[in-house]
Amino acid sequence: MDLIEVIRLQGERTGAVVNAIRLAAPAKPRDRLELSDEDIRQLNEQRTHSYTILHSAVCRVPAPDEPRLRKPVSDIAVMILAVAMSLGRSGGWDAGQASITTEQLADLILHGIVN
């Protein structure tokens, strides 16, 4: 549960910074298209590198329990990141219909949906 909370809080902080930048300097609709191929390559490389570091850190959490897990630790880390990051970026943690708590998400990841 602590892992999910850390990912969620980091997503909220990152989102706040991105929103502040957008509000301070509104972008033209096609700014991304004006990037050079090299700029886009470097941006993608930086994102991949950041994700690799994050994935590696998440892998370390369930690693001690790997013999008991149904999936490889690497796959579990991808799933945790996919769900936790998507909820964090959309603001769906505690907003209306999409509301889900960290505890609920941890329970879903650890126990699934079947009794």
N, C-alpha and C. Protein backbone atom coordinates (compact mmCIF):
# COMPACT_ATOMS: atom_id res chain seq x y z
N MET A 1 0.82 -1.19 0.00
CA MET A 1 0.00 0.00 0.00
C MET A 1 0.87 1.26 0.00
N ASP A 2 1.98 1.23 0.74
CA ASP A 2 2.87 2.39 0.77
C ASP A 2 3.42 2.70 -0.62
N LEU A 3 3.72 1.67 -1.39
CA LEU A 3 4.23 1.85 -2.74
C LEU A 3 3.22 2.61 -3.60
N ILE A 4 1.98 2.21 -3.55
CA ILE A 4 0.93 2.86 -4.35
C ILE A 4 0.77 4.31 -3.91
N GLU A 5 0.82 4.54 -2.61
CA GLU A 5 0.69 5.90 -2.09
C GLU A 5 1.84 6.79 -2.58
N VAL A 6 3.06 6.26 -2.59
CA VAL A 6 4.21 7.02 -3.08
C VAL A 6 4.03 7.37 -4.56
N ILE A 7 3.61 6.40 -5.36
CA ILE A 7 3.38 6.65 -6.79
C ILE A 7 2.29 7.69 -6.98
N ARG A 8 1.21 7.56 -6.23
CA ARG A 8 0.09 8.50 -6.33
C ARG A 8 0.53 9.91 -5.97
N LEU A 9 1.23 10.05 -4.86
CA LEU A 9 1.67 11.38 -4.42
C LEU A 9 2.65 12.00 -5.40
N GLN A 10 3.55 11.19 -5.95
CA GLN A 10 4.48 11.70 -6.95
C GLN A 10 3.73 12.17 -8.19
N GLY A 11 2.72 11.40 -8.60
CA GLY A 11 1.90 11.80 -9.74
C GLY A 11 1.18 13.12 -9.50
N GLU A 12 0.68 13.29 -8.28
CA GLU A 12 0.01 14.55 -7.94
C GLU A 12 0.99 15.72 -7.98
N ARG A 13 2.19 15.53 -7.43
CA ARG A 13 3.19 16.59 -7.43
C ARG A 13 3.61 16.93 -8.86
N THR A 14 3.85 15.90 -9.65
CA THR A 14 4.25 16.12 -11.05
C THR A 14 3.14 16.84 -11.80
N GLY A 15 1.91 16.40 -11.59
CA GLY A 15 0.77 17.05 -12.24
C GLY A 15 0.63 18.51 -11.85
N ALA A 16 0.87 18.82 -10.58
CA ALA A 16 0.79 20.20 -10.13
C ALA A 16 1.83 21.08 -10.81
N VAL A 17 3.04 20.54 -10.96
CA VAL A 17 4.11 21.30 -11.63
C VAL A 17 3.76 21.51 -13.09
N VAL A 18 3.31 20.45 -13.77
CA VAL A 18 2.94 20.56 -15.18
C VAL A 18 1.81 21.57 -15.37
N ASN A 19 0.80 21.51 -14.51
CA ASN A 19 -0.32 22.46 -14.62
C ASN A 19 0.15 23.89 -14.36
N ALA A 20 1.05 24.09 -13.41
CA ALA A 20 1.56 25.43 -13.14
C ALA A 20 2.32 25.97 -14.34
N ILE A 21 3.09 25.12 -14.98
CA ILE A 21 3.84 25.55 -16.17
C ILE A 21 2.87 25.92 -17.29
N ARG A 22 1.85 25.09 -17.47
CA ARG A 22 0.86 25.37 -18.53
C ARG A 22 0.14 26.68 -18.28
N LEU A 23 -0.21 26.95 -17.03
CA LEU A 23 -0.91 28.19 -16.70
C LEU A 23 0.00 29.40 -16.85
N ALA A 24 1.27 29.24 -16.51
CA ALA A 24 2.22 30.35 -16.58
C ALA A 24 2.59 30.71 -18.02
N ALA A 25 2.65 29.73 -18.87
CA ALA A 25 3.05 29.96 -20.26
C ALA A 25 2.22 29.08 -21.18
N PRO A 26 0.99 29.52 -21.48
CA PRO A 26 0.13 28.70 -22.34
C PRO A 26 0.82 28.36 -23.66
N ALA A 27 0.77 27.11 -24.00
CA ALA A 27 1.42 26.63 -25.22
C ALA A 27 0.55 26.85 -26.43
N LYS A 28 1.20 27.04 -27.55
CA LYS A 28 0.46 27.07 -28.80
C LYS A 28 0.01 25.64 -29.10
N PRO A 29 -1.11 25.45 -29.73
CA PRO A 29 -1.64 24.10 -29.96
C PRO A 29 -0.67 23.14 -30.65
N ARG A 30 0.24 23.64 -31.44
CA ARG A 30 1.11 22.74 -32.21
C ARG A 30 2.56 22.78 -31.73
N ASP A 31 2.79 23.19 -30.50
CA ASP A 31 4.18 23.27 -30.00
C ASP A 31 4.92 21.95 -30.15
N ARG A 32 4.28 20.85 -29.83
CA ARG A 32 4.96 19.55 -29.92
C ARG A 32 5.37 19.27 -31.37
N LEU A 33 4.53 19.68 -32.31
CA LEU A 33 4.85 19.44 -33.71
C LEU A 33 6.04 20.28 -34.17
N GLU A 34 6.34 21.37 -33.46
CA GLU A 34 7.45 22.22 -33.84
C GLU A 34 8.79 21.71 -33.31
N LEU A 35 8.78 20.66 -32.51
CA LEU A 35 10.02 20.09 -32.02
C LEU A 35 10.75 19.38 -33.16
N SER A 36 12.05 19.44 -33.12
CA SER A 36 12.83 18.74 -34.14
C SER A 36 12.75 17.23 -33.86
N ASP A 37 13.10 16.45 -34.84
CA ASP A 37 13.15 15.00 -34.65
C ASP A 37 14.11 14.63 -33.53
N GLU A 38 15.22 15.35 -33.45
CA GLU A 38 16.21 15.10 -32.39
C GLU A 38 15.63 15.44 -31.02
N ASP A 39 14.88 16.55 -30.92
CA ASP A 39 14.25 16.92 -29.65
C ASP A 39 13.25 15.84 -29.21
N ILE A 40 12.47 15.35 -30.14
CA ILE A 40 11.48 14.31 -29.84
C ILE A 40 12.19 13.03 -29.42
N ARG A 41 13.27 12.67 -30.11
CA ARG A 41 14.03 11.48 -29.75
C ARG A 41 14.59 11.61 -28.33
N GLN A 42 15.16 12.77 -28.01
CA GLN A 42 15.72 12.98 -26.68
C GLN A 42 14.63 12.95 -25.60
N LEU A 43 13.51 13.57 -25.88
CA LEU A 43 12.39 13.56 -24.93
C LEU A 43 11.92 12.13 -24.67
N ASN A 44 11.76 11.36 -25.72
CA ASN A 44 11.35 9.96 -25.56
C ASN A 44 12.39 9.16 -24.80
N GLU A 45 13.66 9.43 -25.08
CA GLU A 45 14.74 8.74 -24.39
C GLU A 45 14.72 9.08 -22.89
N GLN A 46 14.50 10.34 -22.56
CA GLN A 46 14.44 10.76 -21.15
C GLN A 46 13.25 10.10 -20.44
N ARG A 47 12.11 10.06 -21.10
CA ARG A 47 10.93 9.42 -20.51
C ARG A 47 11.18 7.93 -20.27
N THR A 48 11.77 7.28 -21.25
CA THR A 48 12.07 5.86 -21.12
C THR A 48 13.04 5.62 -19.97
N HIS A 49 14.07 6.45 -19.87
CA HIS A 49 15.04 6.33 -18.79
C HIS A 49 14.37 6.53 -17.43
N SER A 50 13.53 7.54 -17.30
CA SER A 50 12.83 7.80 -16.04
C SER A 50 11.92 6.63 -15.67
N TYR A 51 11.21 6.10 -16.66
CA TYR A 51 10.32 4.97 -16.40
C TYR A 51 11.12 3.74 -15.98
N THR A 52 12.27 3.52 -16.62
CA THR A 52 13.11 2.38 -16.28
C THR A 52 13.57 2.45 -14.82
N ILE A 53 13.96 3.62 -14.38
CA ILE A 53 14.38 3.80 -12.99
C ILE A 53 13.21 3.53 -12.05
N LEU A 54 12.04 4.08 -12.37
CA LEU A 54 10.85 3.89 -11.54
C LEU A 54 10.45 2.41 -11.51
N HIS A 55 10.45 1.76 -12.67
CA HIS A 55 10.10 0.35 -12.76
C HIS A 55 11.04 -0.50 -11.91
N SER A 56 12.32 -0.20 -11.97
CA SER A 56 13.31 -0.93 -11.18
C SER A 56 13.04 -0.77 -9.69
N ALA A 57 12.70 0.43 -9.27
CA ALA A 57 12.40 0.68 -7.86
C ALA A 57 11.14 -0.08 -7.42
N VAL A 58 10.12 -0.09 -8.27
CA VAL A 58 8.88 -0.81 -7.94
C VAL A 58 9.14 -2.30 -7.88
N CYS A 59 9.99 -2.82 -8.74
CA CYS A 59 10.32 -4.26 -8.73
C CYS A 59 10.91 -4.70 -7.40
N ARG A 60 11.64 -3.81 -6.75
CA ARG A 60 12.30 -4.18 -5.49
C ARG A 60 11.29 -4.43 -4.37
N VAL A 61 10.11 -3.85 -4.45
CA VAL A 61 9.14 -4.02 -3.36
C VAL A 61 8.59 -5.45 -3.29
N PRO A 62 8.06 -6.02 -4.37
CA PRO A 62 7.54 -7.39 -4.27
C PRO A 62 8.61 -8.48 -4.45
N ALA A 63 9.83 -8.12 -4.78
CA ALA A 63 10.87 -9.11 -5.06
C ALA A 63 11.07 -10.15 -3.96
N PRO A 64 11.04 -9.79 -2.67
CA PRO A 64 11.23 -10.81 -1.64
C PRO A 64 10.14 -11.90 -1.65
N ASP A 65 8.97 -11.57 -2.18
CA ASP A 65 7.86 -12.53 -2.22
C ASP A 65 7.74 -13.23 -3.56
N GLU A 66 8.71 -13.06 -4.42
CA GLU A 66 8.60 -13.60 -5.78
C GLU A 66 8.23 -15.08 -5.84
N PRO A 67 8.76 -15.94 -5.00
CA PRO A 67 8.38 -17.36 -5.09
C PRO A 67 6.88 -17.62 -4.89
N ARG A 68 6.21 -16.73 -4.20
CA ARG A 68 4.77 -16.89 -3.94
C ARG A 68 3.89 -16.20 -4.97
N LEU A 69 4.47 -15.42 -5.85
CA LEU A 69 3.69 -14.61 -6.80
C LEU A 69 3.33 -15.41 -8.05
N ARG A 70 2.16 -15.09 -8.60
CA ARG A 70 1.69 -15.77 -9.81
C ARG A 70 2.33 -15.23 -11.09
N LYS A 71 2.86 -14.04 -11.03
CA LYS A 71 3.46 -13.39 -12.20
C LYS A 71 4.88 -12.96 -11.86
N PRO A 72 5.73 -12.78 -12.86
CA PRO A 72 7.07 -12.27 -12.61
C PRO A 72 7.02 -10.86 -12.01
N VAL A 73 7.97 -10.56 -11.15
CA VAL A 73 8.03 -9.26 -10.49
C VAL A 73 8.02 -8.12 -11.51
N SER A 74 8.74 -8.28 -12.60
CA SER A 74 8.78 -7.23 -13.63
C SER A 74 7.39 -6.94 -14.19
N ASP A 75 6.61 -7.99 -14.46
CA ASP A 75 5.24 -7.81 -14.97
C ASP A 75 4.35 -7.14 -13.92
N ILE A 76 4.51 -7.55 -12.68
CA ILE A 76 3.72 -6.97 -11.59
C ILE A 76 4.01 -5.48 -11.48
N ALA A 77 5.28 -5.10 -11.59
CA ALA A 77 5.65 -3.69 -11.52
C ALA A 77 5.00 -2.90 -12.65
N VAL A 78 4.99 -3.45 -13.84
CA VAL A 78 4.34 -2.78 -14.98
C VAL A 78 2.86 -2.56 -14.69
N MET A 79 2.19 -3.58 -14.16
CA MET A 79 0.75 -3.47 -13.87
C MET A 79 0.48 -2.43 -12.79
N ILE A 80 1.28 -2.47 -11.72
CA ILE A 80 1.11 -1.49 -10.64
C ILE A 80 1.29 -0.08 -11.18
N LEU A 81 2.34 0.13 -11.94
CA LEU A 81 2.60 1.46 -12.48
C LEU A 81 1.50 1.91 -13.44
N ALA A 82 1.04 1.00 -14.28
CA ALA A 82 0.00 1.35 -15.25
C ALA A 82 -1.27 1.82 -14.54
N VAL A 83 -1.70 1.09 -13.54
CA VAL A 83 -2.93 1.44 -12.84
C VAL A 83 -2.73 2.67 -11.96
N ALA A 84 -1.69 2.66 -11.15
CA ALA A 84 -1.48 3.77 -10.22
C ALA A 84 -1.21 5.08 -10.95
N MET A 85 -0.43 5.04 -12.01
CA MET A 85 -0.12 6.27 -12.74
C MET A 85 -1.34 6.78 -13.51
N SER A 86 -2.12 5.90 -14.06
CA SER A 86 -3.29 6.36 -14.82
C SER A 86 -4.31 7.02 -13.91
N LEU A 87 -4.51 6.49 -12.74
CA LEU A 87 -5.44 7.11 -11.80
C LEU A 87 -4.90 8.43 -11.28
N GLY A 88 -3.62 8.48 -11.01
CA GLY A 88 -3.02 9.70 -10.50
C GLY A 88 -3.06 10.83 -11.49
N ARG A 89 -2.83 10.55 -12.75
CA ARG A 89 -2.82 11.60 -13.77
C ARG A 89 -4.21 12.12 -14.10
N SER A 90 -5.21 11.27 -13.97
CA SER A 90 -6.56 11.71 -14.35
C SER A 90 -7.28 12.42 -13.21
N GLY A 91 -6.69 12.42 -12.03
CA GLY A 91 -7.35 13.03 -10.89
C GLY A 91 -8.47 12.17 -10.35
N GLY A 92 -8.49 10.88 -10.74
CA GLY A 92 -9.59 10.01 -10.37
C GLY A 92 -9.48 9.37 -9.00
N TRP A 93 -8.51 9.76 -8.21
CA TRP A 93 -8.33 9.12 -6.90
C TRP A 93 -9.49 9.38 -5.97
N ASP A 94 -10.00 10.57 -5.97
CA ASP A 94 -11.10 10.85 -5.05
C ASP A 94 -12.10 11.82 -5.68
N ALA A 95 -12.31 11.66 -6.97
CA ALA A 95 -13.20 12.56 -7.70
C ALA A 95 -14.36 11.79 -8.32
N GLY A 96 -15.52 11.93 -7.74
CA GLY A 96 -16.74 11.39 -8.33
C GLY A 96 -16.72 9.91 -8.59
N GLN A 97 -17.28 9.49 -9.72
CA GLN A 97 -17.44 8.08 -10.08
C GLN A 97 -16.13 7.31 -10.11
N ALA A 98 -15.05 7.98 -10.48
CA ALA A 98 -13.77 7.29 -10.62
C ALA A 98 -13.06 7.12 -9.28
N SER A 99 -13.73 7.48 -8.20
CA SER A 99 -13.10 7.46 -6.89
C SER A 99 -12.58 6.07 -6.52
N ILE A 100 -11.33 6.02 -6.10
CA ILE A 100 -10.72 4.78 -5.61
C ILE A 100 -9.66 5.18 -4.59
N THR A 101 -9.65 4.52 -3.48
CA THR A 101 -8.66 4.82 -2.45
C THR A 101 -7.40 3.99 -2.68
N THR A 102 -6.34 4.40 -2.04
CA THR A 102 -5.11 3.64 -2.12
C THR A 102 -5.33 2.24 -1.57
N GLU A 103 -6.10 2.13 -0.49
CA GLU A 103 -6.38 0.82 0.11
C GLU A 103 -7.14 -0.08 -0.86
N GLN A 104 -8.12 0.48 -1.56
CA GLN A 104 -8.89 -0.31 -2.53
C GLN A 104 -8.00 -0.79 -3.67
N LEU A 105 -7.14 0.08 -4.14
CA LEU A 105 -6.25 -0.30 -5.24
C LEU A 105 -5.26 -1.36 -4.78
N ALA A 106 -4.71 -1.21 -3.58
CA ALA A 106 -3.79 -2.22 -3.06
C ALA A 106 -4.50 -3.57 -2.92
N ASP A 107 -5.73 -3.56 -2.44
CA ASP A 107 -6.50 -4.80 -2.30
C ASP A 107 -6.73 -5.45 -3.67
N LEU A 108 -7.08 -4.65 -4.66
CA LEU A 108 -7.31 -5.17 -6.01
C LEU A 108 -6.03 -5.80 -6.56
N ILE A 109 -4.91 -5.11 -6.41
CA ILE A 109 -3.64 -5.63 -6.92
C ILE A 109 -3.24 -6.90 -6.20
N LEU A 110 -3.42 -6.93 -4.89
CA LEU A 110 -2.97 -8.08 -4.12
C LEU A 110 -3.91 -9.28 -4.18
N HIS A 111 -5.23 -9.01 -4.30
CA HIS A 111 -6.20 -10.11 -4.20
C HIS A 111 -7.08 -10.29 -5.42
N GLY A 112 -7.00 -9.37 -6.38
CA GLY A 112 -7.84 -9.50 -7.57
C GLY A 112 -9.30 -9.20 -7.26
N ILE A 113 -10.19 -9.70 -8.11
CA ILE A 113 -11.61 -9.41 -7.95
C ILE A 113 -12.44 -10.67 -7.63
N VAL A 114 -11.79 -11.81 -7.57
CA VAL A 114 -12.50 -13.06 -7.33
C VAL A 114 -12.27 -13.51 -5.89
N ASN A 115 -13.35 -13.99 -5.23
CA ASN A 115 -13.22 -14.52 -3.87
C ASN A 115 -12.52 -15.86 -3.89
